[in-house]
Amino acid sequence: MSDKQEFGYKHDDNKVMASLLKDFAPALNEVMKVGTFGANKYTRGNWLLVDNAIERYNDAMWRHLLSDGVDEESGLDHLYHAAWNILAVITLIKRQEDGIKKHNP
């Protein structure tokens, strides 16, 4: 009997375990607050249009990592801002690798 015919079999041995993100739900919620703050301050997706964005968000990440406590403007911990910036840099690098040009999401 082939795998296609076996009941209860699924070919997902080498796939990522996406449900692991639930383990980080509290942290991701804080990062989403930073994203919401930024979307309200600017426009949702504006960060994808920033010139020299990888360098600028990398710099922002370091500014937040080197700061203690809470960001005065947002009221959110600098560490949460740093995490948002890390995700932004990773996303921008991946988009660049995939040949995705700047555009509104």
PDB file of N, CA and C in Angstrom:
ATOM      1  N   MET A   1       0.851  -1.181   0.000  1.00  0.00           N
ATOM      2  CA  MET A   1       0.000   0.000   0.000  1.00  0.00           C
ATOM      3  C   MET A   1       0.893   1.239   0.000  1.00  0.00           C
ATOM      4  N   SER A   2       0.636   2.215  -0.866  1.00  0.00           N
ATOM      5  CA  SER A   2       1.441   3.433  -0.907  1.00  0.00           C
ATOM      6  C   SER A   2       1.017   4.363   0.225  1.00  0.00           C
ATOM      7  N   ASP A   3       1.887   5.356   0.511  1.00  0.00           N
ATOM      8  CA  ASP A   3       1.585   6.327   1.567  1.00  0.00           C
ATOM      9  C   ASP A   3       0.272   7.056   1.304  1.00  0.00           C
ATOM     10  N   LYS A   4      -0.041   7.301   0.035  1.00  0.00           N
ATOM     11  CA  LYS A   4      -1.263   8.002  -0.306  1.00  0.00           C
ATOM     12  C   LYS A   4      -2.498   7.216   0.102  1.00  0.00           C
ATOM     13  N   GLN A   5      -2.378   5.930   0.188  1.00  0.00           N
ATOM     14  CA  GLN A   5      -3.525   5.088   0.504  1.00  0.00           C
ATOM     15  C   GLN A   5      -3.633   4.780   1.994  1.00  0.00           C
ATOM     16  N   GLU A   6      -2.594   5.057   2.758  1.00  0.00           N
ATOM     17  CA  GLU A   6      -2.633   4.771   4.188  1.00  0.00           C
ATOM     18  C   GLU A   6      -3.497   5.800   4.903  1.00  0.00           C
ATOM     19  N   PHE A   7      -4.369   5.311   5.758  1.00  0.00           N
ATOM     20  CA  PHE A   7      -5.201   6.219   6.537  1.00  0.00           C
ATOM     21  C   PHE A   7      -4.385   6.816   7.673  1.00  0.00           C
ATOM     22  N   GLY A   8      -4.577   8.087   7.922  1.00  0.00           N
ATOM     23  CA  GLY A   8      -3.910   8.744   9.037  1.00  0.00           C
ATOM     24  C   GLY A   8      -2.464   9.114   8.786  1.00  0.00           C
ATOM     25  N   TYR A   9      -2.011   9.078   7.550  1.00  0.00           N
ATOM     26  CA  TYR A   9      -0.633   9.448   7.249  1.00  0.00           C
ATOM     27  C   TYR A   9      -0.601  10.829   6.616  1.00  0.00           C
ATOM     28  N   LYS A  10       0.372  11.630   7.000  1.00  0.00           N
ATOM     29  CA  LYS A  10       0.545  12.964   6.428  1.00  0.00           C
ATOM     30  C   LYS A  10       2.028  13.195   6.195  1.00  0.00           C
ATOM     31  N   HIS A  11       2.379  13.668   5.020  1.00  0.00           N
ATOM     32  CA  HIS A  11       3.775  13.920   4.656  1.00  0.00           C
ATOM     33  C   HIS A  11       4.210  15.287   5.177  1.00  0.00           C
ATOM     34  N   ASP A  12       4.569  15.370   6.450  1.00  0.00           N
ATOM     35  CA  ASP A  12       5.013  16.645   7.007  1.00  0.00           C
ATOM     36  C   ASP A  12       6.285  16.497   7.850  1.00  0.00           C
ATOM     37  N   ASP A  13       7.031  15.432   7.576  1.00  0.00           N
ATOM     38  CA  ASP A  13       8.230  15.148   8.363  1.00  0.00           C
ATOM     39  C   ASP A  13       9.259  16.275   8.337  1.00  0.00           C
ATOM     40  N   ASN A  14       9.446  16.931   7.217  1.00  0.00           N
ATOM     41  CA  ASN A  14      10.495  17.949   7.094  1.00  0.00           C
ATOM     42  C   ASN A  14       9.943  19.366   7.042  1.00  0.00           C
ATOM     43  N   LYS A  15       8.724  19.564   7.503  1.00  0.00           N
ATOM     44  CA  LYS A  15       8.115  20.894   7.489  1.00  0.00           C
ATOM     45  C   LYS A  15       8.280  21.563   8.843  1.00  0.00           C
ATOM     46  N   VAL A  16       8.280  22.894   8.835  1.00  0.00           N
ATOM     47  CA  VAL A  16       8.424  23.629  10.087  1.00  0.00           C
ATOM     48  C   VAL A  16       7.190  23.410  10.963  1.00  0.00           C
ATOM     49  N   MET A  17       7.408  23.464  12.254  1.00  0.00           N
ATOM     50  CA  MET A  17       6.324  23.304  13.224  1.00  0.00           C
ATOM     51  C   MET A  17       5.770  24.693  13.540  1.00  0.00           C
ATOM     52  N   ALA A  18       4.876  25.180  12.693  1.00  0.00           N
ATOM     53  CA  ALA A  18       4.356  26.540  12.816  1.00  0.00           C
ATOM     54  C   ALA A  18       3.680  26.782  14.163  1.00  0.00           C
ATOM     55  N   SER A  19       3.132  25.764  14.747  1.00  0.00           N
ATOM     56  CA  SER A  19       2.437  25.929  16.031  1.00  0.00           C
ATOM     57  C   SER A  19       3.385  26.321  17.166  1.00  0.00           C
ATOM     58  N   LEU A  20       4.693  26.219  16.927  1.00  0.00           N
ATOM     59  CA  LEU A  20       5.648  26.657  17.945  1.00  0.00           C
ATOM     60  C   LEU A  20       5.533  28.151  18.234  1.00  0.00           C
ATOM     61  N   LEU A  21       4.988  28.913  17.296  1.00  0.00           N
ATOM     62  CA  LEU A  21       4.808  30.348  17.528  1.00  0.00           C
ATOM     63  C   LEU A  21       3.918  30.603  18.745  1.00  0.00           C
ATOM     64  N   LYS A  22       2.993  29.678  19.023  1.00  0.00           N
ATOM     65  CA  LYS A  22       2.115  29.847  20.189  1.00  0.00           C
ATOM     66  C   LYS A  22       2.921  29.909  21.483  1.00  0.00           C
ATOM     67  N   ASP A  23       4.094  29.278  21.512  1.00  0.00           N
ATOM     68  CA  ASP A  23       4.948  29.316  22.702  1.00  0.00           C
ATOM     69  C   ASP A  23       5.401  30.742  23.006  1.00  0.00           C
ATOM     70  N   PHE A  24       5.420  31.583  21.980  1.00  0.00           N
ATOM     71  CA  PHE A  24       5.890  32.955  22.127  1.00  0.00           C
ATOM     72  C   PHE A  24       4.751  33.968  22.091  1.00  0.00           C
ATOM     73  N   ALA A  25       3.539  33.522  22.315  1.00  0.00           N
ATOM     74  CA  ALA A  25       2.365  34.405  22.208  1.00  0.00           C
ATOM     75  C   ALA A  25       2.486  35.675  23.049  1.00  0.00           C
ATOM     76  N   PRO A  26       2.917  35.600  24.316  1.00  0.00           N
ATOM     77  CA  PRO A  26       3.018  36.851  25.088  1.00  0.00           C
ATOM     78  C   PRO A  26       4.021  37.836  24.482  1.00  0.00           C
ATOM     79  N   ALA A  27       5.149  37.342  24.042  1.00  0.00           N
ATOM     80  CA  ALA A  27       6.161  38.215  23.438  1.00  0.00           C
ATOM     81  C   ALA A  27       5.674  38.768  22.109  1.00  0.00           C
ATOM     82  N   LEU A  28       5.057  37.927  21.291  1.00  0.00           N
ATOM     83  CA  LEU A  28       4.559  38.383  20.000  1.00  0.00           C
ATOM     84  C   LEU A  28       3.456  39.417  20.167  1.00  0.00           C
ATOM     85  N   ASN A  29       2.653  39.287  21.206  1.00  0.00           N
ATOM     86  CA  ASN A  29       1.614  40.273  21.481  1.00  0.00           C
ATOM     87  C   ASN A  29       2.233  41.648  21.743  1.00  0.00           C
ATOM     88  N   GLU A  30       3.344  41.680  22.484  1.00  0.00           N
ATOM     89  CA  GLU A  30       4.027  42.953  22.750  1.00  0.00           C
ATOM     90  C   GLU A  30       4.614  43.534  21.467  1.00  0.00           C
ATOM     91  N   VAL A  31       5.169  42.678  20.613  1.00  0.00           N
ATOM     92  CA  VAL A  31       5.716  43.135  19.332  1.00  0.00           C
ATOM     93  C   VAL A  31       4.583  43.661  18.448  1.00  0.00           C
ATOM     94  N   MET A  32       3.415  43.020  18.491  1.00  0.00           N
ATOM     95  CA  MET A  32       2.269  43.503  17.719  1.00  0.00           C
ATOM     96  C   MET A  32       1.806  44.870  18.216  1.00  0.00           C
ATOM     97  N   LYS A  33       1.952  45.134  19.512  1.00  0.00           N
ATOM     98  CA  LYS A  33       1.619  46.463  20.038  1.00  0.00           C
ATOM     99  C   LYS A  33       2.545  47.518  19.438  1.00  0.00           C
ATOM    100  N   VAL A  34       3.828  47.177  19.305  1.00  0.00           N
ATOM    101  CA  VAL A  34       4.778  48.098  18.673  1.00  0.00           C
ATOM    102  C   VAL A  34       4.373  48.333  17.218  1.00  0.00           C
ATOM    103  N   GLY A  35       4.042  47.258  16.513  1.00  0.00           N
ATOM    104  CA  GLY A  35       3.611  47.387  15.126  1.00  0.00           C
ATOM    105  C   GLY A  35       2.356  48.232  14.989  1.00  0.00           C
ATOM    106  N   THR A  36       1.427  48.058  15.912  1.00  0.00           N
ATOM    107  CA  THR A  36       0.190  48.840  15.900  1.00  0.00           C
ATOM    108  C   THR A  36       0.485  50.307  16.159  1.00  0.00           C
ATOM    109  N   PHE A  37       1.377  50.571  17.112  1.00  0.00           N
ATOM    110  CA  PHE A  37       1.781  51.954  17.381  1.00  0.00           C
ATOM    111  C   PHE A  37       2.348  52.590  16.118  1.00  0.00           C
ATOM    112  N   GLY A  38       3.247  51.879  15.443  1.00  0.00           N
ATOM    113  CA  GLY A  38       3.857  52.397  14.220  1.00  0.00           C
ATOM    114  C   GLY A  38       2.851  52.582  13.096  1.00  0.00           C
ATOM    115  N   ALA A  39       1.923  51.645  12.947  1.00  0.00           N
ATOM    116  CA  ALA A  39       0.904  51.754  11.897  1.00  0.00           C
ATOM    117  C   ALA A  39       0.001  52.957  12.138  1.00  0.00           C
ATOM    118  N   ASN A  40      -0.294  53.230  13.406  1.00  0.00           N
ATOM    119  CA  ASN A  40      -1.126  54.392  13.735  1.00  0.00           C
ATOM    120  C   ASN A  40      -0.361  55.700  13.581  1.00  0.00           C
ATOM    121  N   LYS A  41       0.928  55.677  13.898  1.00  0.00           N
ATOM    122  CA  LYS A  41       1.753  56.891  13.803  1.00  0.00           C
ATOM    123  C   LYS A  41       2.010  57.255  12.340  1.00  0.00           C
ATOM    124  N   TYR A  42       2.293  56.264  11.528  1.00  0.00           N
ATOM    125  CA  TYR A  42       2.597  56.469  10.116  1.00  0.00           C
ATOM    126  C   TYR A  42       1.418  55.946   9.303  1.00  0.00           C
ATOM    127  N   THR A  43       1.622  54.862   8.605  1.00  0.00           N
ATOM    128  CA  THR A  43       0.584  54.161   7.853  1.00  0.00           C
ATOM    129  C   THR A  43       0.978  52.695   7.864  1.00  0.00           C
ATOM    130  N   ARG A  44       0.001  51.820   7.923  1.00  0.00           N
ATOM    131  CA  ARG A  44       0.319  50.393   7.899  1.00  0.00           C
ATOM    132  C   ARG A  44       1.120  50.073   6.632  1.00  0.00           C
ATOM    133  N   GLY A  45       2.237  49.400   6.828  1.00  0.00           N
ATOM    134  CA  GLY A  45       3.095  49.016   5.713  1.00  0.00           C
ATOM    135  C   GLY A  45       4.072  50.082   5.261  1.00  0.00           C
ATOM    136  N   ASN A  46       4.022  51.272   5.862  1.00  0.00           N
ATOM    137  CA  ASN A  46       4.934  52.353   5.495  1.00  0.00           C
ATOM    138  C   ASN A  46       6.396  51.923   5.627  1.00  0.00           C
ATOM    139  N   TRP A  47       6.689  51.089   6.592  1.00  0.00           N
ATOM    140  CA  TRP A  47       8.070  50.672   6.842  1.00  0.00           C
ATOM    141  C   TRP A  47       8.664  49.941   5.643  1.00  0.00           C
ATOM    142  N   LEU A  48       7.821  49.378   4.775  1.00  0.00           N
ATOM    143  CA  LEU A  48       8.316  48.691   3.583  1.00  0.00           C
ATOM    144  C   LEU A  48       8.784  49.670   2.505  1.00  0.00           C
ATOM    145  N   LEU A  49       8.450  50.940   2.667  1.00  0.00           N
ATOM    146  CA  LEU A  49       8.761  51.949   1.653  1.00  0.00           C
ATOM    147  C   LEU A  49       9.938  52.836   2.041  1.00  0.00           C
ATOM    148  N   VAL A  50      10.483  52.658   3.217  1.00  0.00           N
ATOM    149  CA  VAL A  50      11.565  53.500   3.725  1.00  0.00           C
ATOM    150  C   VAL A  50      12.844  53.247   2.933  1.00  0.00           C
ATOM    151  N   ASP A  51      13.500  54.328   2.479  1.00  0.00           N
ATOM    152  CA  ASP A  51      14.780  54.196   1.785  1.00  0.00           C
ATOM    153  C   ASP A  51      15.844  53.685   2.738  1.00  0.00           C
ATOM    154  N   ASN A  52      16.732  52.830   2.225  1.00  0.00           N
ATOM    155  CA  ASN A  52      17.834  52.278   3.018  1.00  0.00           C
ATOM    156  C   ASN A  52      17.307  51.630   4.300  1.00  0.00           C
ATOM    157  N   ALA A  53      16.183  50.944   4.169  1.00  0.00           N
ATOM    158  CA  ALA A  53      15.437  50.449   5.328  1.00  0.00           C
ATOM    159  C   ALA A  53      16.217  49.437   6.173  1.00  0.00           C
ATOM    160  N   ILE A  54      16.950  48.535   5.557  1.00  0.00           N
ATOM    161  CA  ILE A  54      17.658  47.515   6.339  1.00  0.00           C
ATOM    162  C   ILE A  54      18.643  48.172   7.299  1.00  0.00           C
ATOM    163  N   GLU A  55      19.432  49.095   6.803  1.00  0.00           N
ATOM    164  CA  GLU A  55      20.395  49.782   7.661  1.00  0.00           C
ATOM    165  C   GLU A  55      19.684  50.621   8.724  1.00  0.00           C
ATOM    166  N   ARG A  56      18.625  51.312   8.340  1.00  0.00           N
ATOM    167  CA  ARG A  56      17.942  52.201   9.275  1.00  0.00           C
ATOM    168  C   ARG A  56      17.213  51.432  10.373  1.00  0.00           C
ATOM    169  N   TYR A  57      16.575  50.314  10.028  1.00  0.00           N
ATOM    170  CA  TYR A  57      15.895  49.526  11.064  1.00  0.00           C
ATOM    171  C   TYR A  57      16.898  48.740  11.913  1.00  0.00           C
ATOM    172  N   ASN A  58      18.040  48.399  11.319  1.00  0.00           N
ATOM    173  CA  ASN A  58      19.103  47.777  12.107  1.00  0.00           C
ATOM    174  C   ASN A  58      19.630  48.780  13.136  1.00  0.00           C
ATOM    175  N   ASP A  59      19.820  50.026  12.714  1.00  0.00           N
ATOM    176  CA  ASP A  59      20.242  51.086  13.647  1.00  0.00           C
ATOM    177  C   ASP A  59      19.195  51.290  14.744  1.00  0.00           C
ATOM    178  N   ALA A  60      17.922  51.314  14.363  1.00  0.00           N
ATOM    179  CA  ALA A  60      16.849  51.483  15.350  1.00  0.00           C
ATOM    180  C   ALA A  60      16.843  50.335  16.351  1.00  0.00           C
ATOM    181  N   MET A  61      17.076  49.116  15.857  1.00  0.00           N
ATOM    182  CA  MET A  61      17.148  47.965  16.747  1.00  0.00           C
ATOM    183  C   MET A  61      18.217  48.182  17.817  1.00  0.00           C
ATOM    184  N   TRP A  62      19.399  48.621  17.382  1.00  0.00           N
ATOM    185  CA  TRP A  62      20.493  48.837  18.334  1.00  0.00           C
ATOM    186  C   TRP A  62      20.199  49.973  19.299  1.00  0.00           C
ATOM    187  N   ARG A  63      19.573  51.035  18.814  1.00  0.00           N
ATOM    188  CA  ARG A  63      19.201  52.130  19.724  1.00  0.00           C
ATOM    189  C   ARG A  63      18.284  51.616  20.831  1.00  0.00           C
ATOM    190  N   HIS A  64      17.322  50.772  20.464  1.00  0.00           N
ATOM    191  CA  HIS A  64      16.396  50.237  21.466  1.00  0.00           C
ATOM    192  C   HIS A  64      17.081  49.221  22.383  1.00  0.00           C
ATOM    193  N   LEU A  65      17.974  48.402  21.827  1.00  0.00           N
ATOM    194  CA  LEU A  65      18.693  47.435  22.661  1.00  0.00           C
ATOM    195  C   LEU A  65      19.595  48.129  23.678  1.00  0.00           C
ATOM    196  N   LEU A  66      20.112  49.270  23.313  1.00  0.00           N
ATOM    197  CA  LEU A  66      21.017  49.998  24.197  1.00  0.00           C
ATOM    198  C   LEU A  66      20.292  50.937  25.157  1.00  0.00           C
ATOM    199  N   SER A  67      18.971  50.963  25.065  1.00  0.00           N
ATOM    200  CA  SER A  67      18.157  51.798  25.959  1.00  0.00           C
ATOM    201  C   SER A  67      17.496  50.925  27.010  1.00  0.00           C
ATOM    202  N   ASP A  68      17.334  51.471  28.187  1.00  0.00           N
ATOM    203  CA  ASP A  68      16.673  50.736  29.269  1.00  0.00           C
ATOM    204  C   ASP A  68      15.243  51.205  29.426  1.00  0.00           C
ATOM    205  N   GLY A  69      14.417  50.320  29.921  1.00  0.00           N
ATOM    206  CA  GLY A  69      13.064  50.695  30.316  1.00  0.00           C
ATOM    207  C   GLY A  69      12.108  50.858  29.162  1.00  0.00           C
ATOM    208  N   VAL A  70      11.287  51.899  29.289  1.00  0.00           N
ATOM    209  CA  VAL A  70      10.150  52.098  28.401  1.00  0.00           C
ATOM    210  C   VAL A  70      10.417  53.260  27.441  1.00  0.00           C
ATOM    211  N   ASP A  71      10.048  53.082  26.197  1.00  0.00           N
ATOM    212  CA  ASP A  71      10.115  54.141  25.206  1.00  0.00           C
ATOM    213  C   ASP A  71       9.097  55.212  25.577  1.00  0.00           C
ATOM    214  N   GLU A  72       9.558  56.455  25.696  1.00  0.00           N
ATOM    215  CA  GLU A  72       8.682  57.544  26.151  1.00  0.00           C
ATOM    216  C   GLU A  72       7.491  57.774  25.230  1.00  0.00           C
ATOM    217  N   GLU A  73       7.728  57.733  23.941  1.00  0.00           N
ATOM    218  CA  GLU A  73       6.657  58.066  22.990  1.00  0.00           C
ATOM    219  C   GLU A  73       5.555  57.012  22.959  1.00  0.00           C
ATOM    220  N   SER A  74       5.934  55.732  22.926  1.00  0.00           N
ATOM    221  CA  SER A  74       4.935  54.662  22.789  1.00  0.00           C
ATOM    222  C   SER A  74       4.453  54.113  24.119  1.00  0.00           C
ATOM    223  N   GLY A  75       5.277  54.257  25.160  1.00  0.00           N
ATOM    224  CA  GLY A  75       4.950  53.641  26.442  1.00  0.00           C
ATOM    225  C   GLY A  75       5.225  52.151  26.477  1.00  0.00           C
ATOM    226  N   LEU A  76       5.928  51.655  25.471  1.00  0.00           N
ATOM    227  CA  LEU A  76       6.245  50.228  25.365  1.00  0.00           C
ATOM    228  C   LEU A  76       7.735  50.015  25.617  1.00  0.00           C
ATOM    229  N   ASP A  77       8.069  48.867  26.168  1.00  0.00           N
ATOM    230  CA  ASP A  77       9.448  48.535  26.501  1.00  0.00           C
ATOM    231  C   ASP A  77      10.347  48.611  25.261  1.00  0.00           C
ATOM    232  N   HIS A  78      11.540  49.142  25.440  1.00  0.00           N
ATOM    233  CA  HIS A  78      12.509  49.224  24.343  1.00  0.00           C
ATOM    234  C   HIS A  78      12.812  47.839  23.766  1.00  0.00           C
ATOM    235  N   LEU A  79      12.798  46.826  24.590  1.00  0.00           N
ATOM    236  CA  LEU A  79      13.071  45.473  24.108  1.00  0.00           C
ATOM    237  C   LEU A  79      12.034  45.025  23.084  1.00  0.00           C
ATOM    238  N   TYR A  80      10.769  45.410  23.276  1.00  0.00           N
ATOM    239  CA  TYR A  80       9.711  45.062  22.321  1.00  0.00           C
ATOM    240  C   TYR A  80       9.940  45.782  20.994  1.00  0.00           C
ATOM    241  N   HIS A  81      10.394  47.041  21.080  1.00  0.00           N
ATOM    242  CA  HIS A  81      10.728  47.786  19.863  1.00  0.00           C
ATOM    243  C   HIS A  81      11.901  47.125  19.137  1.00  0.00           C
ATOM    244  N   ALA A  82      12.903  46.685  19.887  1.00  0.00           N
ATOM    245  CA  ALA A  82      14.059  46.016  19.279  1.00  0.00           C
ATOM    246  C   ALA A  82      13.612  44.754  18.548  1.00  0.00           C
ATOM    247  N   ALA A  83      12.716  43.985  19.170  1.00  0.00           N
ATOM    248  CA  ALA A  83      12.222  42.760  18.544  1.00  0.00           C
ATOM    249  C   ALA A  83      11.478  43.072  17.246  1.00  0.00           C
ATOM    250  N   TRP A  84      10.664  44.139  17.256  1.00  0.00           N
ATOM    251  CA  TRP A  84       9.957  44.521  16.025  1.00  0.00           C
ATOM    252  C   TRP A  84      10.968  44.852  14.933  1.00  0.00           C
ATOM    253  N   ASN A  85      12.007  45.603  15.286  1.00  0.00           N
ATOM    254  CA  ASN A  85      13.021  45.979  14.307  1.00  0.00           C
ATOM    255  C   ASN A  85      13.767  44.765  13.765  1.00  0.00           C
ATOM    256  N   ILE A  86      14.045  43.794  14.609  1.00  0.00           N
ATOM    257  CA  ILE A  86      14.697  42.561  14.141  1.00  0.00           C
ATOM    258  C   ILE A  86      13.806  41.870  13.109  1.00  0.00           C
ATOM    259  N   LEU A  87      12.512  41.755  13.402  1.00  0.00           N
ATOM    260  CA  LEU A  87      11.586  41.130  12.454  1.00  0.00           C
ATOM    261  C   LEU A  87      11.508  41.926  11.154  1.00  0.00           C
ATOM    262  N   ALA A  88      11.538  43.241  11.252  1.00  0.00           N
ATOM    263  CA  ALA A  88      11.507  44.079  10.052  1.00  0.00           C
ATOM    264  C   ALA A  88      12.747  43.836   9.196  1.00  0.00           C
ATOM    265  N   VAL A  89      13.913  43.808   9.820  1.00  0.00           N
ATOM    266  CA  VAL A  89      15.162  43.583   9.074  1.00  0.00           C
ATOM    267  C   VAL A  89      15.144  42.208   8.409  1.00  0.00           C
ATOM    268  N   ILE A  90      14.738  41.183   9.142  1.00  0.00           N
ATOM    269  CA  ILE A  90      14.678  39.838   8.566  1.00  0.00           C
ATOM    270  C   ILE A  90      13.722  39.824   7.373  1.00  0.00           C
ATOM    271  N   THR A  91      12.568  40.445   7.532  1.00  0.00           N
ATOM    272  CA  THR A  91      11.582  40.479   6.452  1.00  0.00           C
ATOM    273  C   THR A  91      12.126  41.210   5.237  1.00  0.00           C
ATOM    274  N   LEU A  92      12.772  42.341   5.448  1.00  0.00           N
ATOM    275  CA  LEU A  92      13.334  43.104   4.338  1.00  0.00           C
ATOM    276  C   LEU A  92      14.433  42.322   3.619  1.00  0.00           C
ATOM    277  N   ILE A  93      15.257  41.624   4.371  1.00  0.00           N
ATOM    278  CA  ILE A  93      16.311  40.802   3.762  1.00  0.00           C
ATOM    279  C   ILE A  93      15.693  39.681   2.934  1.00  0.00           C
ATOM    280  N   LYS A  94      14.682  39.008   3.493  1.00  0.00           N
ATOM    281  CA  LYS A  94      14.027  37.917   2.762  1.00  0.00           C
ATOM    282  C   LYS A  94      13.334  38.436   1.504  1.00  0.00           C
ATOM    283  N   ARG A  95      12.679  39.583   1.604  1.00  0.00           N
ATOM    284  CA  ARG A  95      12.028  40.168   0.421  1.00  0.00           C
ATOM    285  C   ARG A  95      13.076  40.494  -0.646  1.00  0.00           C
ATOM    286  N   GLN A  96      14.222  41.025  -0.207  1.00  0.00           N
ATOM    287  CA  GLN A  96      15.306  41.344  -1.136  1.00  0.00           C
ATOM    288  C   GLN A  96      15.809  40.062  -1.811  1.00  0.00           C
ATOM    289  N   GLU A  97      16.016  39.018  -1.021  1.00  0.00           N
ATOM    290  CA  GLU A  97      16.477  37.734  -1.571  1.00  0.00           C
ATOM    291  C   GLU A  97      15.474  37.142  -2.556  1.00  0.00           C
ATOM    292  N   ASP A  98      14.189  37.379  -2.294  1.00  0.00           N
ATOM    293  CA  ASP A  98      13.132  36.858  -3.158  1.00  0.00           C
ATOM    294  C   ASP A  98      12.822  37.778  -4.333  1.00  0.00           C
ATOM    295  N   GLY A  99      13.551  38.902  -4.427  1.00  0.00           N
ATOM    296  CA  GLY A  99      13.375  39.821  -5.536  1.00  0.00           C
ATOM    297  C   GLY A  99      12.101  40.647  -5.463  1.00  0.00           C
ATOM    298  N   ILE A 100      11.581  40.842  -4.247  1.00  0.00           N
ATOM    299  CA  ILE A 100      10.358  41.628  -4.082  1.00  0.00           C
ATOM    300  C   ILE A 100      10.740  43.092  -3.950  1.00  0.00           C
ATOM    301  N   LYS A 101      10.205  43.891  -4.837  1.00  0.00           N
ATOM    302  CA  LYS A 101      10.466  45.322  -4.825  1.00  0.00           C
ATOM    303  C   LYS A 101       9.593  45.999  -3.772  1.00  0.00           C
ATOM    304  N   LYS A 102       9.934  47.241  -3.432  1.00  0.00           N
ATOM    305  CA  LYS A 102       9.132  48.012  -2.487  1.00  0.00           C
ATOM    306  C   LYS A 102       7.733  48.222  -3.063  1.00  0.00           C
ATOM    307  N   HIS A 103       6.754  48.041  -2.232  1.00  0.00           N
ATOM    308  CA  HIS A 103       5.370  48.360  -2.589  1.00  0.00           C
ATOM    309  C   HIS A 103       4.510  48.260  -1.341  1.00  0.00           C
ATOM    310  N   ASN A 104       3.340  48.823  -1.418  1.00  0.00           N
ATOM    311  CA  ASN A 104       2.423  48.714  -0.287  1.00  0.00           C
ATOM    312  C   ASN A 104       1.985  47.270  -0.133  1.00  0.00           C
ATOM    313  N   PRO A 105       1.919  46.806   1.133  1.00  0.00           N
ATOM    314  CA  PRO A 105       1.505  45.398   1.347  1.00  0.00           C
ATOM    315  C   PRO A 105       0.048  45.190   0.998  1.00  0.00           C
TER     316      PRO A 105
END
